[in-house]
Protein backbone atom coordinates (compact mmCIF):
# COMPACT_ATOMS: atom_id res chain seq x y z
CA MET A 1 69.42 133.37 102.31
CA SER A 2 71.86 131.35 103.98
CA GLU A 3 75.55 132.52 104.74
CA LEU A 4 78.59 130.58 104.04
CA ILE A 5 80.80 129.98 107.16
CA GLU A 6 84.24 129.73 106.75
CA ASP A 7 85.18 127.28 109.57
CA GLY A 8 87.76 125.28 107.62
CA SER A 9 85.66 122.16 107.64
CA GLU A 10 85.94 121.88 103.70
CA PHE A 11 89.67 121.92 103.98
CA ALA A 12 89.88 119.30 106.67
CA ALA A 13 87.57 117.07 104.42
CA LEU A 14 89.73 117.82 101.49
CA LEU A 15 92.93 116.48 103.13
CA GLY A 16 91.10 113.35 104.29
CA GLY A 17 93.45 110.75 105.88
CA PHE A 18 96.59 112.74 105.17
CA GLY A 19 95.49 115.58 107.45
CA SER A 20 94.21 113.37 110.04
CA HIS A 21 96.93 110.69 110.29
CA GLY A 22 100.02 112.52 108.98
CA ASN A 23 102.94 112.76 111.31
CA PRO A 24 103.84 116.55 111.22
CA LYS A 25 107.34 116.10 112.91
CA ARG A 26 108.32 113.05 110.41
CA ARG A 27 107.03 115.06 107.41
CA ALA A 28 109.04 118.23 108.48
CA LYS A 29 112.14 116.16 108.93
CA ALA A 30 111.66 114.57 105.53
CA GLU A 31 111.23 118.05 103.87
CA ARG A 32 114.45 119.27 105.71
CA MET A 33 116.47 116.23 104.44
CA ALA A 34 115.02 116.70 100.97
CA ALA A 35 116.21 120.49 101.03
CA MET A 36 119.85 119.57 101.91
CA LYS A 37 122.75 119.36 99.55
CA LYS A 38 124.64 116.16 99.35
CA ASN A 39 127.69 117.56 101.18
CA ASP A 40 125.66 119.25 103.83
CA GLY A 41 127.28 118.63 107.10
CA ARG A 42 124.05 118.09 108.99
CA ARG A 43 123.21 115.06 106.91
CA GLN A 44 123.85 112.03 109.04
CA ARG A 45 124.57 109.60 106.38
CA LYS A 46 126.46 109.51 103.08
CA VAL A 47 124.33 109.92 99.99
CA THR A 48 124.56 106.63 98.18
CA ARG A 49 121.91 107.21 95.51
CA PRO A 50 122.00 110.56 94.13
CA HIS A 51 119.75 110.22 91.37
CA GLN A 52 115.97 109.67 91.31
CA PHE A 53 114.29 107.25 88.88
CA ASN A 54 110.53 107.04 88.88
CA VAL A 55 108.51 104.59 86.92
CA ARG A 56 105.07 103.10 86.86
CA VAL A 57 104.31 99.53 87.06
CA ASP A 58 101.55 97.29 87.00
CA ASP A 59 100.12 95.29 89.80
CA ASP A 60 101.83 91.99 88.99
CA THR A 61 105.27 93.66 88.86
CA LYS A 62 104.70 95.52 92.23
CA ALA A 63 103.95 92.23 93.99
CA LEU A 64 106.97 90.44 92.24
CA ALA A 65 109.12 93.31 93.65
CA GLN A 66 107.61 92.97 96.96
CA ALA A 67 108.05 89.25 96.99
CA LEU A 68 111.54 89.55 95.95
CA ILE A 69 112.03 92.10 98.81
CA ASP A 70 110.56 89.86 101.45
CA LYS A 71 112.49 86.93 100.40
CA PHE A 72 115.89 88.74 100.15
CA ASN A 73 115.23 90.24 103.69
CA ALA A 74 114.22 86.78 104.95
CA GLU A 75 117.47 85.18 103.74
CA GLY A 76 119.69 88.11 104.92
CA ARG A 77 121.25 88.41 101.54
CA GLU A 78 124.56 90.32 101.19
CA GLY A 79 124.86 93.85 99.89
CA SER A 80 122.48 95.61 102.43
CA ASP A 81 121.14 94.88 105.91
CA LYS A 82 117.60 95.37 104.61
CA TRP A 83 116.38 95.44 100.90
CA SER A 84 114.29 98.15 99.47
CA GLN A 85 112.63 98.79 96.18
CA ALA A 86 115.50 100.88 94.98
CA ASP A 87 117.99 97.86 95.97
CA ILE A 88 115.78 95.52 93.70
CA VAL A 89 115.91 97.97 90.77
CA ILE A 90 119.48 98.39 90.98
CA ALA A 91 120.22 94.73 91.16
CA ALA A 92 117.82 93.64 88.51
CA ILE A 93 119.32 96.30 86.04
CA ALA A 94 122.82 95.13 86.68
CA ALA A 95 121.88 91.44 86.18
CA LEU A 96 119.99 92.30 83.01
CA ALA A 97 122.99 94.31 81.76
CA LYS A 98 125.37 91.51 82.62
CA ALA A 99 123.16 88.97 80.83
CA GLU A 100 123.03 91.27 77.69
CA LYS A 101 126.68 92.24 78.17
CA ALA A 102 125.64 95.97 77.92
CA ARG A 103 128.05 98.63 79.28
CA VAL A 104 127.56 102.34 80.08
CA GLY A 105 128.73 104.25 76.92
CA ALA A 106 128.39 101.45 74.72
């Protein structure tokens, strides 16, 4: 009868790329930042987006968003020195609300 050897090899296989390619220092910093409150003195920059907004999109929508991000970053559009997905979502919702004449609380 064979013995099971607990050498942790299954755990390493379970982690896959994350375990072998993860940057522990960067991950630790991100976890510390996530645990901080918005008025914590250790935070280096002001919290400008206090709310999380998660959505799932299809491949075409993700490609369109990335194309807009690349275009706006290449043009150097005002509002931010570098556009992100969050910037695109904020701008798109604001433009749609303006076109539909929608207001908060209406």
